[in-house]
């Protein structure tokens, strides 16, 4: 199962970063390029433990829907969302937050996914999907 880890230092207090990371509205703004839109479940505000959100997006020109659920949340240092429905065989995204010096926060994304289609999915991971998802996460974090 591919695993992507991204560390981002943000010049803001940990609670602000934690809340923005759970904000449905902020997520939509940070993913304008792929036109992600919350269409079911929690569709605005801050997502909480055991809540779900269904996203509609277009990746590689293919429209798709993905539903994820917050399966773990401990303020202000961690939450986990896991795909319950979507194109992937499995997807788990851990969001970790560490308080830094001078009001800065280290945000750590640990993104694990398993592609569908067996060997074809594994080939897609190696050829382009892993890098595409890494770039997507980095762009969103910016």
C-alpha atoms as a PDB file:
ATOM      1  CA  UNK A   1       0.000   0.000   0.000  1.00  0.00           C
ATOM      2  CA  UNK A   2       1.580   3.331  -1.036  1.00  0.00           C
ATOM      3  CA  UNK A   3       2.231   5.817   1.739  1.00  0.00           C
ATOM      4  CA  UNK A   4       2.826   9.541   1.300  1.00  0.00           C
ATOM      5  CA  UNK A   5       4.131  11.714   4.136  1.00  0.00           C
ATOM      6  CA  UNK A   6       4.223  15.495   3.830  1.00  0.00           C
ATOM      7  CA  UNK A   7       5.496  17.918   6.480  1.00  0.00           C
ATOM      8  CA  UNK A   8       4.308  21.518   6.254  1.00  0.00           C
ATOM      9  CA  UNK A   9       5.282  24.340   8.614  1.00  0.00           C
ATOM     10  CA  UNK A  10       2.486  26.881   8.958  1.00  0.00           C
ATOM     11  CA  UNK A  11       2.856  30.295  10.541  1.00  0.00           C
ATOM     12  CA  UNK A  12      -0.277  30.026  12.696  1.00  0.00           C
ATOM     13  CA  UNK A  13      -1.247  28.607  16.111  1.00  0.00           C
ATOM     14  CA  UNK A  14      -2.023  24.892  16.324  1.00  0.00           C
ATOM     15  CA  UNK A  15      -5.768  25.317  17.037  1.00  0.00           C
ATOM     16  CA  UNK A  16      -6.207  27.572  13.993  1.00  0.00           C
ATOM     17  CA  UNK A  17      -4.407  25.072  11.736  1.00  0.00           C
ATOM     18  CA  UNK A  18      -6.345  22.143  13.217  1.00  0.00           C
ATOM     19  CA  UNK A  19      -9.688  23.869  12.645  1.00  0.00           C
ATOM     20  CA  UNK A  20      -8.847  25.018   9.105  1.00  0.00           C
ATOM     21  CA  UNK A  21      -7.838  21.446   8.265  1.00  0.00           C
ATOM     22  CA  UNK A  22     -11.311  20.243   9.327  1.00  0.00           C
ATOM     23  CA  UNK A  23     -13.161  23.074   7.572  1.00  0.00           C
ATOM     24  CA  UNK A  24     -15.302  21.894   4.666  1.00  0.00           C
ATOM     25  CA  UNK A  25     -15.476  25.458   3.309  1.00  0.00           C
ATOM     26  CA  UNK A  26     -11.691  25.970   3.462  1.00  0.00           C
ATOM     27  CA  UNK A  27     -11.106  22.576   1.813  1.00  0.00           C
ATOM     28  CA  UNK A  28     -13.300  23.601  -1.112  1.00  0.00           C
ATOM     29  CA  UNK A  29     -11.292  26.811  -1.558  1.00  0.00           C
ATOM     30  CA  UNK A  30      -7.989  24.916  -1.393  1.00  0.00           C
ATOM     31  CA  UNK A  31      -9.102  22.474  -4.116  1.00  0.00           C
ATOM     32  CA  UNK A  32     -10.569  24.892  -6.654  1.00  0.00           C
ATOM     33  CA  UNK A  33      -8.404  23.411  -9.434  1.00  0.00           C
ATOM     34  CA  UNK A  34     -10.195  20.049  -9.162  1.00  0.00           C
ATOM     35  CA  UNK A  35     -13.581  21.673  -8.417  1.00  0.00           C
ATOM     36  CA  UNK A  36     -14.128  19.648  -5.240  1.00  0.00           C
ATOM     37  CA  UNK A  37     -17.538  20.225  -3.718  1.00  0.00           C
ATOM     38  CA  UNK A  38     -19.160  18.743  -0.613  1.00  0.00           C
ATOM     39  CA  UNK A  39     -22.486  17.301  -1.766  1.00  0.00           C
ATOM     40  CA  UNK A  40     -23.671  15.074   1.105  1.00  0.00           C
ATOM     41  CA  UNK A  41     -23.141  14.509   4.812  1.00  0.00           C
ATOM     42  CA  UNK A  42     -21.375  17.455   6.416  1.00  0.00           C
ATOM     43  CA  UNK A  43     -21.315  20.108   3.662  1.00  0.00           C
ATOM     44  CA  UNK A  44     -20.053  23.181   5.553  1.00  0.00           C
ATOM     45  CA  UNK A  45     -18.358  24.143   8.802  1.00  0.00           C
ATOM     46  CA  UNK A  46     -15.982  21.974  10.830  1.00  0.00           C
ATOM     47  CA  UNK A  47     -16.240  18.213  10.439  1.00  0.00           C
ATOM     48  CA  UNK A  48     -16.281  16.285  13.733  1.00  0.00           C
ATOM     49  CA  UNK A  49     -15.745  12.726  14.956  1.00  0.00           C
ATOM     50  CA  UNK A  50     -17.962  10.118  13.231  1.00  0.00           C
ATOM     51  CA  UNK A  51     -19.259  12.620  10.680  1.00  0.00           C
ATOM     52  CA  UNK A  52     -19.036  11.912   6.961  1.00  0.00           C
ATOM     53  CA  UNK A  53     -18.652  14.079   3.880  1.00  0.00           C
ATOM     54  CA  UNK A  54     -19.156  13.115   0.256  1.00  0.00           C
ATOM     55  CA  UNK A  55     -16.997  15.007  -2.214  1.00  0.00           C
ATOM     56  CA  UNK A  56     -17.661  15.416  -5.913  1.00  0.00           C
ATOM     57  CA  UNK A  57     -14.535  16.149  -7.952  1.00  0.00           C
ATOM     58  CA  UNK A  58     -12.847  15.621 -11.289  1.00  0.00           C
ATOM     59  CA  UNK A  59      -9.400  14.019 -11.399  1.00  0.00           C
ATOM     60  CA  UNK A  60      -7.750  13.177 -14.728  1.00  0.00           C
ATOM     61  CA  UNK A  61     -10.916  14.586 -16.325  1.00  0.00           C
ATOM     62  CA  UNK A  62     -13.000  11.832 -14.727  1.00  0.00           C
ATOM     63  CA  UNK A  63     -15.905  12.911 -12.488  1.00  0.00           C
ATOM     64  CA  UNK A  64     -16.002  10.953  -9.242  1.00  0.00           C
ATOM     65  CA  UNK A  65     -17.439  10.873  -5.742  1.00  0.00           C
ATOM     66  CA  UNK A  66     -15.630   9.953  -2.537  1.00  0.00           C
ATOM     67  CA  UNK A  67     -17.173   9.632   0.919  1.00  0.00           C
ATOM     68  CA  UNK A  68     -14.945   9.800   3.972  1.00  0.00           C
ATOM     69  CA  UNK A  69     -15.603   9.516   7.695  1.00  0.00           C
ATOM     70  CA  UNK A  70     -13.704  11.033  10.607  1.00  0.00           C
ATOM     71  CA  UNK A  71     -12.727   7.898  12.537  1.00  0.00           C
ATOM     72  CA  UNK A  72     -10.457   9.492  15.162  1.00  0.00           C
ATOM     73  CA  UNK A  73     -10.190  13.034  16.503  1.00  0.00           C
ATOM     74  CA  UNK A  74      -8.226  14.451  19.426  1.00  0.00           C
ATOM     75  CA  UNK A  75      -8.061  18.247  19.573  1.00  0.00           C
ATOM     76  CA  UNK A  76      -5.831  19.932  18.608  1.00  0.00           C
ATOM     77  CA  UNK A  77      -3.240  17.394  17.577  1.00  0.00           C
ATOM     78  CA  UNK A  78      -4.728  14.647  15.366  1.00  0.00           C
ATOM     79  CA  UNK A  79      -7.651  13.509  13.280  1.00  0.00           C
ATOM     80  CA  UNK A  80      -8.046  10.666  10.807  1.00  0.00           C
ATOM     81  CA  UNK A  81     -10.382  10.371   7.858  1.00  0.00           C
ATOM     82  CA  UNK A  82     -11.017   7.112   6.042  1.00  0.00           C
ATOM     83  CA  UNK A  83     -12.791   6.509   2.751  1.00  0.00           C
ATOM     84  CA  UNK A  84     -16.061   4.614   3.087  1.00  0.00           C
ATOM     85  CA  UNK A  85     -17.053   4.834  -0.599  1.00  0.00           C
ATOM     86  CA  UNK A  86     -15.084   5.837  -3.663  1.00  0.00           C
ATOM     87  CA  UNK A  87     -12.778   4.818  -6.454  1.00  0.00           C
ATOM     88  CA  UNK A  88      -9.938   3.604  -4.215  1.00  0.00           C
ATOM     89  CA  UNK A  89      -9.841   0.157  -2.705  1.00  0.00           C
ATOM     90  CA  UNK A  90      -8.892   1.880   0.558  1.00  0.00           C
ATOM     91  CA  UNK A  91      -7.750   5.326   1.669  1.00  0.00           C
ATOM     92  CA  UNK A  92      -6.670   6.574   5.096  1.00  0.00           C
ATOM     93  CA  UNK A  93      -5.457  10.127   5.768  1.00  0.00           C
ATOM     94  CA  UNK A  94      -3.895  10.941   9.142  1.00  0.00           C
ATOM     95  CA  UNK A  95      -3.564  14.642   9.984  1.00  0.00           C
ATOM     96  CA  UNK A  96      -1.046  15.319  12.774  1.00  0.00           C
ATOM     97  CA  UNK A  97      -0.283  18.727  14.296  1.00  0.00           C
ATOM     98  CA  UNK A  98       2.692  19.695  16.464  1.00  0.00           C
ATOM     99  CA  UNK A  99       3.002  23.040  18.180  1.00  0.00           C
ATOM    100  CA  UNK A 100       6.194  24.811  17.196  1.00  0.00           C
ATOM    101  CA  UNK A 101       8.040  27.881  18.345  1.00  0.00           C
ATOM    102  CA  UNK A 102       6.727  31.410  17.917  1.00  0.00           C
ATOM    103  CA  UNK A 103       3.152  30.415  17.056  1.00  0.00           C
ATOM    104  CA  UNK A 104       4.099  28.052  14.234  1.00  0.00           C
ATOM    105  CA  UNK A 105       2.584  24.613  13.655  1.00  0.00           C
ATOM    106  CA  UNK A 106       4.051  21.548  11.982  1.00  0.00           C
ATOM    107  CA  UNK A 107       1.311  19.772  10.053  1.00  0.00           C
ATOM    108  CA  UNK A 108       2.078  16.184   9.052  1.00  0.00           C
ATOM    109  CA  UNK A 109      -0.054  14.419   6.460  1.00  0.00           C
ATOM    110  CA  UNK A 110       0.228  10.635   6.310  1.00  0.00           C
ATOM    111  CA  UNK A 111      -1.775   9.463   3.319  1.00  0.00           C
ATOM    112  CA  UNK A 112      -2.105   5.733   2.622  1.00  0.00           C
ATOM    113  CA  UNK A 113      -4.090   4.364  -0.279  1.00  0.00           C
ATOM    114  CA  UNK A 114      -4.704   1.207  -2.213  1.00  0.00           C
ATOM    115  CA  UNK A 115      -5.716   1.493  -5.850  1.00  0.00           C
ATOM    116  CA  UNK A 116      -8.387  -0.646  -7.490  1.00  0.00           C
ATOM    117  CA  UNK A 117      -7.763  -2.967 -10.444  1.00  0.00           C
ATOM    118  CA  UNK A 118      -5.069  -5.197  -8.936  1.00  0.00           C
ATOM    119  CA  UNK A 119      -1.862  -5.197 -10.974  1.00  0.00           C
ATOM    120  CA  UNK A 120      -3.087  -2.365 -13.216  1.00  0.00           C
ATOM    121  CA  UNK A 121      -3.650  -0.222 -10.128  1.00  0.00           C
ATOM    122  CA  UNK A 122      -0.157  -1.021  -8.858  1.00  0.00           C
ATOM    123  CA  UNK A 123       1.308  -0.006 -12.205  1.00  0.00           C
ATOM    124  CA  UNK A 124      -0.695   3.255 -12.122  1.00  0.00           C
ATOM    125  CA  UNK A 125       0.682   3.934  -8.610  1.00  0.00           C
ATOM    126  CA  UNK A 126       4.257   3.607  -9.838  1.00  0.00           C
ATOM    127  CA  UNK A 127       3.757   5.448 -13.106  1.00  0.00           C
ATOM    128  CA  UNK A 128       1.763   8.492 -12.018  1.00  0.00           C
ATOM    129  CA  UNK A 129      -0.865   8.171  -9.253  1.00  0.00           C
ATOM    130  CA  UNK A 130       1.427   8.419  -6.212  1.00  0.00           C
ATOM    131  CA  UNK A 131       3.130  11.559  -7.572  1.00  0.00           C
ATOM    132  CA  UNK A 132      -0.201  13.066  -8.598  1.00  0.00           C
ATOM    133  CA  UNK A 133      -1.626  12.596  -5.083  1.00  0.00           C
ATOM    134  CA  UNK A 134       1.553  13.935  -3.460  1.00  0.00           C
ATOM    135  CA  UNK A 135       1.389  17.067  -5.652  1.00  0.00           C
ATOM    136  CA  UNK A 136      -2.334  17.437  -4.894  1.00  0.00           C
ATOM    137  CA  UNK A 137      -1.699  17.357  -1.124  1.00  0.00           C
ATOM    138  CA  UNK A 138       1.226  19.786  -1.339  1.00  0.00           C
ATOM    139  CA  UNK A 139      -0.792  22.223  -3.477  1.00  0.00           C
ATOM    140  CA  UNK A 140      -3.718  22.041  -1.075  1.00  0.00           C
ATOM    141  CA  UNK A 141      -1.438  22.664   1.908  1.00  0.00           C
ATOM    142  CA  UNK A 142      -0.010  25.785   0.268  1.00  0.00           C
END
